[in-house]
Amino acid sequence: MSAPNPAPITFRLERPRPGVVVLTLDRPDRYNAMTPTMFAELEATARALDREDGLRVLVITGAGKAFCAGYDLAHAEKLPELGALGMLALQESAARALSAIRGIRVPVIAAVNGAAAGGGLALALAADIRLAGPRAKFVPSFVTIGLSAGDLGTSWLLPRLIGPAAAAEFLYSARTMGADEA
């Protein structure tokens, strides 16, 4: 018998009714930005939820003003110290987290209540359904800092959702897309 997963520290889980789980990213002071801890917790939680026979839907949202601001740049100063293999391990951890969410066998809904930027955009795209509140905005911010538009599966998922031409225009321009357009 395995030990239960410890309570996550980067998000809250609530069960408002049987079969419904709401995962609220809970770092509002950092606009729910992702960290290595969040990647590990998201992966473990997604895999555990997927094993629940009574699960019917997972809703992902963010606490405060943002859905998710992407990778927490307060952690970025440590990136050069990682070296090539350390950087690869971090990227694989992030990819495993989003892949685990994408792989859940029940509908996953991203309730986007504010900015979904960079990795937060990728998290929203990993859901089956995206519901955008009036303050929602989608930003491929990884492009503006010199990273590829392929970050965390964005270049694979986005063209399948909005078509290749619209995806290319959005990603190449790195513009902000509001809730109405999305």
C-alpha atoms as a PDB file:
ATOM      1  CA  MET A   1       0.000   0.000   0.000  1.00  0.00           C
ATOM      2  CA  SER A   2       1.489   3.329  -1.028  1.00  0.00           C
ATOM      3  CA  ALA A   3       1.487   6.405   1.136  1.00  0.00           C
ATOM      4  CA  PRO A   4      -1.080   9.052   0.180  1.00  0.00           C
ATOM      5  CA  ASN A   5       0.187  12.045  -1.746  1.00  0.00           C
ATOM      6  CA  PRO A   6       0.866  15.006   0.532  1.00  0.00           C
ATOM      7  CA  ALA A   7      -1.451  17.986   0.157  1.00  0.00           C
ATOM      8  CA  PRO A   8      -0.233  20.198  -2.686  1.00  0.00           C
ATOM      9  CA  ILE A   9       1.228  23.580  -1.772  1.00  0.00           C
ATOM     10  CA  THR A  10       0.865  25.305  -5.156  1.00  0.00           C
ATOM     11  CA  PHE A  11      -2.860  24.726  -5.661  1.00  0.00           C
ATOM     12  CA  ARG A  12      -6.071  23.795  -3.841  1.00  0.00           C
ATOM     13  CA  LEU A  13      -8.364  20.887  -4.615  1.00  0.00           C
ATOM     14  CA  GLU A  14     -12.062  21.166  -3.877  1.00  0.00           C
ATOM     15  CA  ARG A  15     -14.887  18.736  -4.473  1.00  0.00           C
ATOM     16  CA  PRO A  16     -18.068  20.836  -4.678  1.00  0.00           C
ATOM     17  CA  ARG A  17     -20.170  17.786  -5.592  1.00  0.00           C
ATOM     18  CA  PRO A  18     -19.585  14.099  -6.282  1.00  0.00           C
ATOM     19  CA  GLY A  19     -17.462  13.536  -9.369  1.00  0.00           C
ATOM     20  CA  VAL A  20     -16.435  17.197  -9.705  1.00  0.00           C
ATOM     21  CA  VAL A  21     -12.941  18.362  -8.763  1.00  0.00           C
ATOM     22  CA  VAL A  22     -11.886  21.999  -8.947  1.00  0.00           C
ATOM     23  CA  LEU A  23      -8.126  22.562  -9.015  1.00  0.00           C
ATOM     24  CA  THR A  24      -7.332  26.198  -8.217  1.00  0.00           C
ATOM     25  CA  LEU A  25      -3.777  27.329  -8.840  1.00  0.00           C
ATOM     26  CA  ASP A  26      -3.060  29.128  -5.572  1.00  0.00           C
ATOM     27  CA  ARG A  27      -0.144  31.504  -5.948  1.00  0.00           C
ATOM     28  CA  PRO A  28      -2.099  34.728  -6.533  1.00  0.00           C
ATOM     29  CA  ASP A  29       0.798  36.907  -5.366  1.00  0.00           C
ATOM     30  CA  ARG A  30       2.810  35.484  -8.318  1.00  0.00           C
ATOM     31  CA  TYR A  31      -0.170  35.357 -10.711  1.00  0.00           C
ATOM     32  CA  ASN A  32      -0.224  31.583 -10.230  1.00  0.00           C
ATOM     33  CA  ALA A  33       3.114  31.249 -11.997  1.00  0.00           C
ATOM     34  CA  MET A  34       4.506  27.743 -12.392  1.00  0.00           C
ATOM     35  CA  THR A  35       7.437  26.376 -10.439  1.00  0.00           C
ATOM     36  CA  PRO A  36       9.247  23.039 -10.435  1.00  0.00           C
ATOM     37  CA  THR A  37       7.173  22.131  -7.357  1.00  0.00           C
ATOM     38  CA  MET A  38       3.960  22.943  -9.222  1.00  0.00           C
ATOM     39  CA  PHE A  39       4.998  20.741 -12.138  1.00  0.00           C
ATOM     40  CA  ALA A  40       5.568  17.786  -9.808  1.00  0.00           C
ATOM     41  CA  GLU A  41       2.328  18.402  -7.924  1.00  0.00           C
ATOM     42  CA  LEU A  42       0.262  18.776 -11.108  1.00  0.00           C
ATOM     43  CA  GLU A  43       1.639  15.552 -12.534  1.00  0.00           C
ATOM     44  CA  ALA A  44       1.084  13.540  -9.331  1.00  0.00           C
ATOM     45  CA  THR A  45      -2.402  14.955  -8.810  1.00  0.00           C
ATOM     46  CA  ALA A  46      -3.487  14.424 -12.425  1.00  0.00           C
ATOM     47  CA  ARG A  47      -2.336  10.798 -12.307  1.00  0.00           C
ATOM     48  CA  ALA A  48      -4.091  10.229  -8.959  1.00  0.00           C
ATOM     49  CA  LEU A  49      -7.326  11.836 -10.178  1.00  0.00           C
ATOM     50  CA  ASP A  50      -7.253   9.739 -13.343  1.00  0.00           C
ATOM     51  CA  ARG A  51      -7.350   6.613 -11.159  1.00  0.00           C
ATOM     52  CA  GLU A  52     -10.573   7.759  -9.444  1.00  0.00           C
ATOM     53  CA  ASP A  53     -13.519   5.822 -10.844  1.00  0.00           C
ATOM     54  CA  GLY A  54     -16.002   8.432  -9.573  1.00  0.00           C
ATOM     55  CA  LEU A  55     -14.309  11.395 -11.258  1.00  0.00           C
ATOM     56  CA  ARG A  56     -16.538  12.987 -13.892  1.00  0.00           C
ATOM     57  CA  VAL A  57     -14.845  16.343 -14.571  1.00  0.00           C
ATOM     58  CA  LEU A  58     -11.778  18.353 -13.570  1.00  0.00           C
ATOM     59  CA  VAL A  59     -11.993  22.147 -13.636  1.00  0.00           C
ATOM     60  CA  ILE A  60      -8.733  24.109 -13.516  1.00  0.00           C
ATOM     61  CA  THR A  61      -8.739  27.794 -12.615  1.00  0.00           C
ATOM     62  CA  GLY A  62      -6.535  30.369 -10.937  1.00  0.00           C
ATOM     63  CA  ALA A  63      -6.808  32.242  -7.649  1.00  0.00           C
ATOM     64  CA  GLY A  64      -6.873  36.024  -7.808  1.00  0.00           C
ATOM     65  CA  LYS A  65      -6.544  38.047 -11.007  1.00  0.00           C
ATOM     66  CA  ALA A  66      -4.754  35.531 -13.245  1.00  0.00           C
ATOM     67  CA  PHE A  67      -5.240  32.031 -14.556  1.00  0.00           C
ATOM     68  CA  CYS A  68      -1.495  31.339 -14.827  1.00  0.00           C
ATOM     69  CA  ALA A  69       1.380  33.639 -15.775  1.00  0.00           C
ATOM     70  CA  GLY A  70       3.603  30.829 -17.065  1.00  0.00           C
ATOM     71  CA  TYR A  71       6.945  29.989 -15.512  1.00  0.00           C
ATOM     72  CA  ASP A  72       7.812  31.990 -12.408  1.00  0.00           C
ATOM     73  CA  LEU A  73      10.666  34.210 -13.518  1.00  0.00           C
ATOM     74  CA  ALA A  74      11.830  34.468  -9.900  1.00  0.00           C
ATOM     75  CA  HIS A  75      13.107  30.922 -10.494  1.00  0.00           C
ATOM     76  CA  ALA A  76      14.694  31.836 -13.837  1.00  0.00           C
ATOM     77  CA  GLU A  77      17.902  33.183 -12.294  1.00  0.00           C
ATOM     78  CA  LYS A  78      18.751  29.590 -11.321  1.00  0.00           C
ATOM     79  CA  LEU A  79      18.313  28.239 -14.855  1.00  0.00           C
ATOM     80  CA  PRO A  80      21.921  28.858 -16.019  1.00  0.00           C
ATOM     81  CA  GLU A  81      23.156  26.780 -13.076  1.00  0.00           C
ATOM     82  CA  LEU A  82      21.175  23.753 -14.254  1.00  0.00           C
ATOM     83  CA  GLY A  83      23.335  22.946 -17.246  1.00  0.00           C
ATOM     84  CA  ALA A  84      22.012  21.159 -20.308  1.00  0.00           C
ATOM     85  CA  LEU A  85      20.782  18.001 -18.552  1.00  0.00           C
ATOM     86  CA  GLY A  86      19.240  19.933 -15.678  1.00  0.00           C
ATOM     87  CA  MET A  87      17.404  22.185 -18.108  1.00  0.00           C
ATOM     88  CA  LEU A  88      16.193  19.127 -20.010  1.00  0.00           C
ATOM     89  CA  ALA A  89      14.958  17.567 -16.757  1.00  0.00           C
ATOM     90  CA  LEU A  90      13.014  20.743 -15.890  1.00  0.00           C
ATOM     91  CA  GLN A  91      11.453  20.903 -19.368  1.00  0.00           C
ATOM     92  CA  GLU A  92      10.537  17.208 -19.187  1.00  0.00           C
ATOM     93  CA  SER A  93       8.955  17.714 -15.757  1.00  0.00           C
ATOM     94  CA  ALA A  94       6.809  20.543 -17.114  1.00  0.00           C
ATOM     95  CA  ALA A  95       5.858  18.517 -20.181  1.00  0.00           C
ATOM     96  CA  ARG A  96       4.944  15.476 -18.046  1.00  0.00           C
ATOM     97  CA  ALA A  97       2.679  17.655 -15.890  1.00  0.00           C
ATOM     98  CA  LEU A  98       0.726  19.002 -18.852  1.00  0.00           C
ATOM     99  CA  SER A  99       0.689  15.611 -20.546  1.00  0.00           C
ATOM    100  CA  ALA A 100      -0.775  14.059 -17.391  1.00  0.00           C
ATOM    101  CA  ILE A 101      -3.533  16.675 -17.386  1.00  0.00           C
ATOM    102  CA  ARG A 102      -4.170  16.145 -21.099  1.00  0.00           C
ATOM    103  CA  GLY A 103      -4.319  12.389 -20.502  1.00  0.00           C
ATOM    104  CA  ILE A 104      -7.050  12.408 -17.855  1.00  0.00           C
ATOM    105  CA  ARG A 105      -9.882  10.228 -19.131  1.00  0.00           C
ATOM    106  CA  VAL A 106     -12.684  12.631 -18.187  1.00  0.00           C
ATOM    107  CA  PRO A 107     -13.300  16.159 -19.477  1.00  0.00           C
ATOM    108  CA  VAL A 108     -10.861  18.783 -18.242  1.00  0.00           C
ATOM    109  CA  ILE A 109     -12.153  22.354 -18.302  1.00  0.00           C
ATOM    110  CA  ALA A 110      -9.859  25.370 -18.056  1.00  0.00           C
ATOM    111  CA  ALA A 111     -11.892  28.171 -16.453  1.00  0.00           C
ATOM    112  CA  VAL A 112      -9.663  31.036 -17.553  1.00  0.00           C
ATOM    113  CA  ASN A 113     -10.357  33.943 -15.222  1.00  0.00           C
ATOM    114  CA  GLY A 114      -7.465  36.232 -16.200  1.00  0.00           C
ATOM    115  CA  ALA A 115      -4.136  36.089 -17.992  1.00  0.00           C
ATOM    116  CA  ALA A 116      -3.041  32.730 -19.408  1.00  0.00           C
ATOM    117  CA  ALA A 117       0.505  33.530 -20.487  1.00  0.00           C
ATOM    118  CA  GLY A 118       3.344  31.303 -21.698  1.00  0.00           C
ATOM    119  CA  GLY A 119       3.057  28.027 -19.835  1.00  0.00           C
ATOM    120  CA  GLY A 120      -0.345  29.179 -18.578  1.00  0.00           C
ATOM    121  CA  LEU A 121      -1.490  29.344 -22.198  1.00  0.00           C
ATOM    122  CA  ALA A 122      -0.135  25.817 -22.671  1.00  0.00           C
ATOM    123  CA  LEU A 123      -2.029  24.682 -19.556  1.00  0.00           C
ATOM    124  CA  ALA A 124      -5.278  26.134 -20.911  1.00  0.00           C
ATOM    125  CA  LEU A 125      -4.650  24.456 -24.276  1.00  0.00           C
ATOM    126  CA  ALA A 126      -4.066  21.107 -22.527  1.00  0.00           C
ATOM    127  CA  ALA A 127      -7.667  21.150 -21.287  1.00  0.00           C
ATOM    128  CA  ASP A 128     -10.471  19.688 -23.379  1.00  0.00           C
ATOM    129  CA  ILE A 129     -12.601  22.820 -23.015  1.00  0.00           C
ATOM    130  CA  ARG A 130     -11.627  26.408 -22.310  1.00  0.00           C
ATOM    131  CA  LEU A 131     -14.146  28.806 -20.787  1.00  0.00           C
ATOM    132  CA  ALA A 132     -12.927  32.394 -20.859  1.00  0.00           C
ATOM    133  CA  GLY A 133     -14.217  34.924 -18.363  1.00  0.00           C
ATOM    134  CA  PRO A 134     -14.432  38.596 -19.385  1.00  0.00           C
ATOM    135  CA  ARG A 135     -10.937  39.347 -17.982  1.00  0.00           C
ATOM    136  CA  ALA A 136      -9.320  36.373 -19.715  1.00  0.00           C
ATOM    137  CA  LYS A 137      -6.467  37.010 -22.086  1.00  0.00           C
ATOM    138  CA  PHE A 138      -4.139  34.614 -23.847  1.00  0.00           C
ATOM    139  CA  VAL A 139      -0.502  35.557 -24.385  1.00  0.00           C
ATOM    140  CA  PRO A 140       2.263  33.470 -26.039  1.00  0.00           C
ATOM    141  CA  SER A 141       4.808  35.291 -23.879  1.00  0.00           C
ATOM    142  CA  PHE A 142       7.537  32.677 -24.323  1.00  0.00           C
ATOM    143  CA  VAL A 143       8.008  34.063 -27.850  1.00  0.00           C
ATOM    144  CA  THR A 144       8.733  37.570 -26.518  1.00  0.00           C
ATOM    145  CA  ILE A 145      11.627  36.278 -24.405  1.00  0.00           C
ATOM    146  CA  GLY A 146      13.242  34.384 -27.271  1.00  0.00           C
ATOM    147  CA  LEU A 147      11.831  30.908 -26.672  1.00  0.00           C
ATOM    148  CA  SER A 148      10.054  28.818 -29.253  1.00  0.00           C
ATOM    149  CA  ALA A 149       6.317  28.874 -29.839  1.00  0.00           C
ATOM    150  CA  GLY A 150       6.449  25.127 -29.234  1.00  0.00           C
ATOM    151  CA  ASP A 151       6.689  25.573 -25.486  1.00  0.00           C
ATOM    152  CA  LEU A 152       4.888  22.753 -23.656  1.00  0.00           C
ATOM    153  CA  GLY A 153       2.977  21.587 -26.703  1.00  0.00           C
ATOM    154  CA  THR A 154       1.554  24.956 -27.736  1.00  0.00           C
ATOM    155  CA  SER A 155       2.666  24.623 -31.367  1.00  0.00           C
ATOM    156  CA  TRP A 156       1.012  21.202 -31.572  1.00  0.00           C
ATOM    157  CA  LEU A 157      -2.252  21.963 -29.742  1.00  0.00           C
ATOM    158  CA  LEU A 158      -3.059  25.476 -30.941  1.00  0.00           C
ATOM    159  CA  PRO A 159      -3.238  24.748 -34.713  1.00  0.00           C
ATOM    160  CA  ARG A 160      -5.592  21.858 -33.969  1.00  0.00           C
ATOM    161  CA  LEU A 161      -7.883  24.201 -32.057  1.00  0.00           C
ATOM    162  CA  ILE A 162      -7.886  27.361 -34.201  1.00  0.00           C
ATOM    163  CA  GLY A 163      -6.294  26.252 -37.481  1.00  0.00           C
ATOM    164  CA  PRO A 164      -2.709  26.560 -38.706  1.00  0.00           C
ATOM    165  CA  ALA A 165      -2.940  30.063 -40.203  1.00  0.00           C
ATOM    166  CA  ALA A 166      -4.561  31.669 -37.149  1.00  0.00           C
ATOM    167  CA  ALA A 167      -2.145  29.834 -34.849  1.00  0.00           C
ATOM    168  CA  ALA A 168       0.870  30.993 -36.850  1.00  0.00           C
ATOM    169  CA  GLU A 169      -0.297  34.624 -36.848  1.00  0.00           C
ATOM    170  CA  PHE A 170      -0.968  34.553 -33.095  1.00  0.00           C
ATOM    171  CA  LEU A 171       2.292  32.826 -32.171  1.00  0.00           C
ATOM    172  CA  TYR A 172       4.568  34.730 -34.574  1.00  0.00           C
ATOM    173  CA  SER A 173       3.183  38.096 -33.503  1.00  0.00           C
ATOM    174  CA  ALA A 174       3.126  37.218 -29.784  1.00  0.00           C
ATOM    175  CA  ARG A 175       0.097  39.463 -29.462  1.00  0.00           C
ATOM    176  CA  THR A 176      -2.475  39.263 -26.690  1.00  0.00           C
ATOM    177  CA  MET A 177      -5.793  37.621 -27.572  1.00  0.00           C
ATOM    178  CA  GLY A 178      -8.783  38.747 -25.506  1.00  0.00           C
ATOM    179  CA  ALA A 179     -11.680  36.626 -24.281  1.00  0.00           C
ATOM    180  CA  ASP A 180     -14.070  37.745 -27.024  1.00  0.00           C
ATOM    181  CA  GLU A 181     -11.714  36.732 -29.832  1.00  0.00           C
ATOM    182  CA  ALA A 182     -10.689  33.510 -28.108  1.00  0.00           C
END
